[in-house]
C-alpha atoms as a PDB file:
ATOM      1  CA  MET A   1       0.125   0.056  -0.015  1.00  0.00           C
ATOM      2  CA  ALA A   2       1.603   3.283  -0.862  1.00  0.00           C
ATOM      3  CA  ALA A   3       1.051   5.945   2.055  1.00  0.00           C
ATOM      4  CA  LEU A   4      -2.279   7.405   2.226  1.00  0.00           C
ATOM      5  CA  LEU A   5      -2.237  11.225   2.875  1.00  0.00           C
ATOM      6  CA  GLY A   6      -5.359  12.908   4.632  1.00  0.00           C
ATOM      7  CA  GLU A   7      -6.433  13.593   8.510  1.00  0.00           C
ATOM      8  CA  VAL A   8      -6.123  11.886  11.549  1.00  0.00           C
ATOM      9  CA  SER A   9      -8.555  11.956  14.245  1.00  0.00           C
ATOM     10  CA  TRP A  10      -9.476  10.414  17.706  1.00  0.00           C
ATOM     11  CA  PHE A  11     -12.422   8.152  18.819  1.00  0.00           C
ATOM     12  CA  CYS A  12     -13.342   6.485  22.073  1.00  0.00           C
ATOM     13  CA  CYS A  13     -14.436   2.756  22.340  1.00  0.00           C
ATOM     14  CA  GLY A  14     -14.410   0.094  24.796  1.00  0.00           C
ATOM     15  CA  SER A  15     -14.097   0.740  28.746  1.00  0.00           C
ATOM     16  CA  ALA A  16     -13.733   4.111  30.175  1.00  0.00           C
ATOM     17  CA  TRP A  17     -10.058   5.529  29.911  1.00  0.00           C
ATOM     18  CA  GLY A  18      -8.884   9.161  29.829  1.00  0.00           C
ATOM     19  CA  PRO A  19     -11.349  11.505  28.436  1.00  0.00           C
ATOM     20  CA  CYS A  20     -13.472   8.751  27.279  1.00  0.00           C
ATOM     21  CA  GLY A  21     -16.612   6.930  29.128  1.00  0.00           C
ATOM     22  CA  THR A  22     -17.527   3.461  28.575  1.00  0.00           C
ATOM     23  CA  ALA A  23     -18.448   2.861  24.667  1.00  0.00           C
ATOM     24  CA  GLY A  24     -18.686  -0.214  22.710  1.00  0.00           C
ATOM     25  CA  GLY A  25     -16.222  -2.576  21.683  1.00  0.00           C
ATOM     26  CA  GLY A  26     -15.869  -1.552  18.023  1.00  0.00           C
ATOM     27  CA  ALA A  27     -16.769  -3.728  14.981  1.00  0.00           C
ATOM     28  CA  CYS A  28     -13.907  -6.240  15.724  1.00  0.00           C
ATOM     29  CA  GLY A  29     -15.349  -6.430  19.424  1.00  0.00           C
ATOM     30  CA  THR A  30     -11.577  -5.755  20.612  1.00  0.00           C
ATOM     31  CA  CYS A  31     -11.566  -1.847  20.647  1.00  0.00           C
ATOM     32  CA  ARG A  32     -10.411  -0.313  23.951  1.00  0.00           C
ATOM     33  CA  SER A  33      -9.372   3.549  24.124  1.00  0.00           C
ATOM     34  CA  GLY A  34      -6.526   2.743  26.035  1.00  0.00           C
ATOM     35  CA  ASN A  35      -4.874   0.553  23.657  1.00  0.00           C
ATOM     36  CA  TYR A  36      -2.911   1.569  20.644  1.00  0.00           C
ATOM     37  CA  GLN A  37      -5.582   0.746  17.796  1.00  0.00           C
ATOM     38  CA  HIS A  38      -7.595   2.369  15.078  1.00  0.00           C
ATOM     39  CA  ALA A  39     -10.668   2.395  13.048  1.00  0.00           C
ATOM     40  CA  TRP A  40     -10.238   1.984   9.024  1.00  0.00           C
ATOM     41  CA  PRO A  41     -12.671   3.041   6.694  1.00  0.00           C
ATOM     42  CA  ASN A  42     -12.313  -0.274   4.499  1.00  0.00           C
ATOM     43  CA  THR A  43     -12.481  -3.336   6.741  1.00  0.00           C
ATOM     44  CA  SER A  44     -15.283  -4.557   4.717  1.00  0.00           C
ATOM     45  CA  ASP A  45     -17.847  -4.272   2.206  1.00  0.00           C
ATOM     46  CA  ALA A  46     -20.558  -3.342   4.918  1.00  0.00           C
ATOM     47  CA  CYS A  47     -17.981  -0.749   6.341  1.00  0.00           C
ATOM     48  CA  LEU A  48     -17.310   0.813   3.065  1.00  0.00           C
ATOM     49  CA  ALA A  49     -20.772   1.278   2.159  1.00  0.00           C
ATOM     50  CA  ILE A  50     -21.087   3.556   5.393  1.00  0.00           C
ATOM     51  CA  THR A  51     -17.656   5.332   5.468  1.00  0.00           C
ATOM     52  CA  ARG A  52     -17.391   6.060   1.644  1.00  0.00           C
ATOM     53  CA  PRO A  53     -14.084   7.325   1.338  1.00  0.00           C
ATOM     54  CA  ASP A  54     -14.480   7.354  -2.667  1.00  0.00           C
ATOM     55  CA  ALA A  55     -17.062   9.901  -2.400  1.00  0.00           C
ATOM     56  CA  CYS A  56     -14.244  12.248  -1.215  1.00  0.00           C
ATOM     57  CA  GLY A  57     -12.012  11.295  -4.078  1.00  0.00           C
ATOM     58  CA  ILE A  58      -9.640   8.746  -1.906  1.00  0.00           C
ATOM     59  CA  THR A  59      -8.783   5.977  -4.217  1.00  0.00           C
ATOM     60  CA  GLY A  60      -6.232   2.985  -3.317  1.00  0.00           C
ATOM     61  CA  MET A  61      -7.486   2.375   0.256  1.00  0.00           C
ATOM     62  CA  SER A  62      -6.948  -0.919   0.888  1.00  0.00           C
ATOM     63  CA  ARG A  63      -9.127  -3.652   2.410  1.00  0.00           C
ATOM     64  CA  ARG A  64      -7.668  -4.757   5.713  1.00  0.00           C
ATOM     65  CA  GLY A  65      -9.155  -6.679   8.300  1.00  0.00           C
ATOM     66  CA  CYS A  66      -9.264  -6.476  12.321  1.00  0.00           C
ATOM     67  CA  GLY A  67      -5.975  -6.822  13.955  1.00  0.00           C
ATOM     68  CA  PHE A  68      -4.145  -5.418  10.607  1.00  0.00           C
ATOM     69  CA  ARG A  69      -0.984  -3.130  11.541  1.00  0.00           C
ATOM     70  CA  HIS A  70      -1.005   0.279  10.073  1.00  0.00           C
ATOM     71  CA  TYR A  71       1.377   3.228  10.974  1.00  0.00           C
ATOM     72  CA  THR A  72       0.395   6.807  11.125  1.00  0.00           C
ATOM     73  CA  THR A  73       2.702   9.719  10.977  1.00  0.00           C
ATOM     74  CA  ASN A  74       1.749  13.078  12.250  1.00  0.00           C
ATOM     75  CA  LEU A  75       2.900  15.394   9.353  1.00  0.00           C
ATOM     76  CA  CYS A  76       2.926  18.494  11.838  1.00  0.00           C
ATOM     77  CA  ASN A  77       6.167  16.842  14.066  1.00  0.00           C
ATOM     78  CA  GLY A  78       6.847  13.347  12.629  1.00  0.00           C
ATOM     79  CA  ALA A  79       5.564  11.500  15.505  1.00  0.00           C
ATOM     80  CA  ARG A  80       4.686   7.910  14.186  1.00  0.00           C
ATOM     81  CA  ILE A  81       2.799   5.114  15.947  1.00  0.00           C
ATOM     82  CA  GLY A  82       1.800   1.876  14.784  1.00  0.00           C
ATOM     83  CA  THR A  83      -1.617   0.389  15.464  1.00  0.00           C
ATOM     84  CA  THR A  84      -4.188  -2.161  14.937  1.00  0.00           C
ATOM     85  CA  ILE A  85      -7.624  -2.277  13.327  1.00  0.00           C
ATOM     86  CA  ALA A  86     -10.191  -2.524  16.035  1.00  0.00           C
ATOM     87  CA  ASP A  87     -13.187  -0.749  14.386  1.00  0.00           C
ATOM     88  CA  CYS A  88     -14.869   0.742  11.166  1.00  0.00           C
ATOM     89  CA  GLY A  89     -14.455   4.427  10.554  1.00  0.00           C
ATOM     90  CA  PRO A  90     -14.025   7.285  10.304  1.00  0.00           C
ATOM     91  CA  GLN A  91     -17.191   8.190   8.502  1.00  0.00           C
ATOM     92  CA  THR A  92     -14.846   9.930   5.828  1.00  0.00           C
ATOM     93  CA  ASP A  93     -18.008  10.849   3.346  1.00  0.00           C
ATOM     94  CA  LEU A  94     -19.205  13.477   6.256  1.00  0.00           C
ATOM     95  CA  PHE A  95     -16.035  15.317   6.139  1.00  0.00           C
ATOM     96  CA  CYS A  96     -15.280  15.574   2.382  1.00  0.00           C
ATOM     97  CA  GLY A  97     -13.140  18.519   1.875  1.00  0.00           C
ATOM     98  CA  GLU A  98     -12.016  19.138   5.608  1.00  0.00           C
ATOM     99  CA  ARG A  99      -8.941  20.230   5.818  1.00  0.00           C
ATOM    100  CA  THR A 100      -6.275  20.575   8.703  1.00  0.00           C
ATOM    101  CA  CYS A 101      -2.960  22.231   8.727  1.00  0.00           C
ATOM    102  CA  CYS A 102       0.120  23.310  10.668  1.00  0.00           C
ATOM    103  CA  GLY A 103       2.287  25.400   8.920  1.00  0.00           C
ATOM    104  CA  SER A 104       2.599  24.354   5.320  1.00  0.00           C
ATOM    105  CA  ALA A 105       1.839  20.570   6.216  1.00  0.00           C
ATOM    106  CA  CYS A 106      -1.854  19.781   5.435  1.00  0.00           C
ATOM    107  CA  GLY A 107      -4.222  17.071   5.085  1.00  0.00           C
ATOM    108  CA  SER A 108      -7.645  16.616   3.730  1.00  0.00           C
ATOM    109  CA  ASN A 109     -10.186  14.063   4.476  1.00  0.00           C
ATOM    110  CA  ARG A 110     -10.461  11.816   7.565  1.00  0.00           C
ATOM    111  CA  ILE A 111      -8.692   8.654   6.692  1.00  0.00           C
ATOM    112  CA  ILE A 112      -8.054   7.050   9.929  1.00  0.00           C
ATOM    113  CA  ASP A 113      -9.282   7.392  13.587  1.00  0.00           C
ATOM    114  CA  LEU A 114      -6.933   6.127  16.566  1.00  0.00           C
ATOM    115  CA  THR A 115      -7.858   5.686  20.019  1.00  0.00           C
ATOM    116  CA  PRO A 116      -6.933   8.310  22.353  1.00  0.00           C
ATOM    117  CA  ALA A 117      -3.924   6.130  23.647  1.00  0.00           C
ATOM    118  CA  ALA A 118      -2.482   6.039  20.216  1.00  0.00           C
ATOM    119  CA  TYR A 119      -3.300   9.815  19.174  1.00  0.00           C
ATOM    120  CA  SER A 120      -1.903  11.118  22.429  1.00  0.00           C
ATOM    121  CA  VAL A 121       1.505   9.495  21.447  1.00  0.00           C
ATOM    122  CA  ILE A 122       1.670  11.505  18.100  1.00  0.00           C
ATOM    123  CA  ALA A 123       0.009  14.884  19.059  1.00  0.00           C
ATOM    124  CA  SER A 124      -2.129  16.398  22.005  1.00  0.00           C
ATOM    125  CA  LEU A 125      -5.704  15.266  22.126  1.00  0.00           C
ATOM    126  CA  SER A 126      -6.821  18.647  22.407  1.00  0.00           C
ATOM    127  CA  THR A 127      -5.879  19.244  18.664  1.00  0.00           C
ATOM    128  CA  GLY A 128      -8.335  16.715  17.496  1.00  0.00           C
ATOM    129  CA  LEU A 129      -7.202  16.690  13.756  1.00  0.00           C
ATOM    130  CA  ARG A 130      -3.707  16.396  12.393  1.00  0.00           C
ATOM    131  CA  PRO A 131      -2.507  16.061   8.885  1.00  0.00           C
ATOM    132  CA  CYS A 132      -1.067  12.696   8.473  1.00  0.00           C
ATOM    133  CA  SER A 133       0.266   9.932   6.362  1.00  0.00           C
ATOM    134  CA  VAL A 134      -0.738   6.007   6.927  1.00  0.00           C
ATOM    135  CA  ASP A 135       1.331   3.224   5.570  1.00  0.00           C
ATOM    136  CA  THR A 136       1.984  -0.431   6.272  1.00  0.00           C
ATOM    137  CA  VAL A 137       5.812  -0.337   6.770  1.00  0.00           C
END
């Protein structure tokens, strides 16, 4: 998979942790806010029908299932983390054209949601969104 450029956000799942109350275990049933995990828009046909990254012009997003590892790099500071798929999301089509920048580094369209534990490794939770690249190596 070639690196995808876009936006990274964060979401809550599983047991209460940090800023999160108790939430469901995600599409994979294993999602926990305190673990290094993420939601991916193309985990299944059913997931892809909900998230619709193609509606935002995003192509080349590989089908990957529960437990697959991606690496997300914050383009603002170069911080990088490896996380495993634990849910379907983000619902990319709701944010088509959304853009976040820091200096000259920009990303458009939400392509990955990290758990708060994972997001906090690469950015402050208060930022909410960061431009990113996502790859598999």
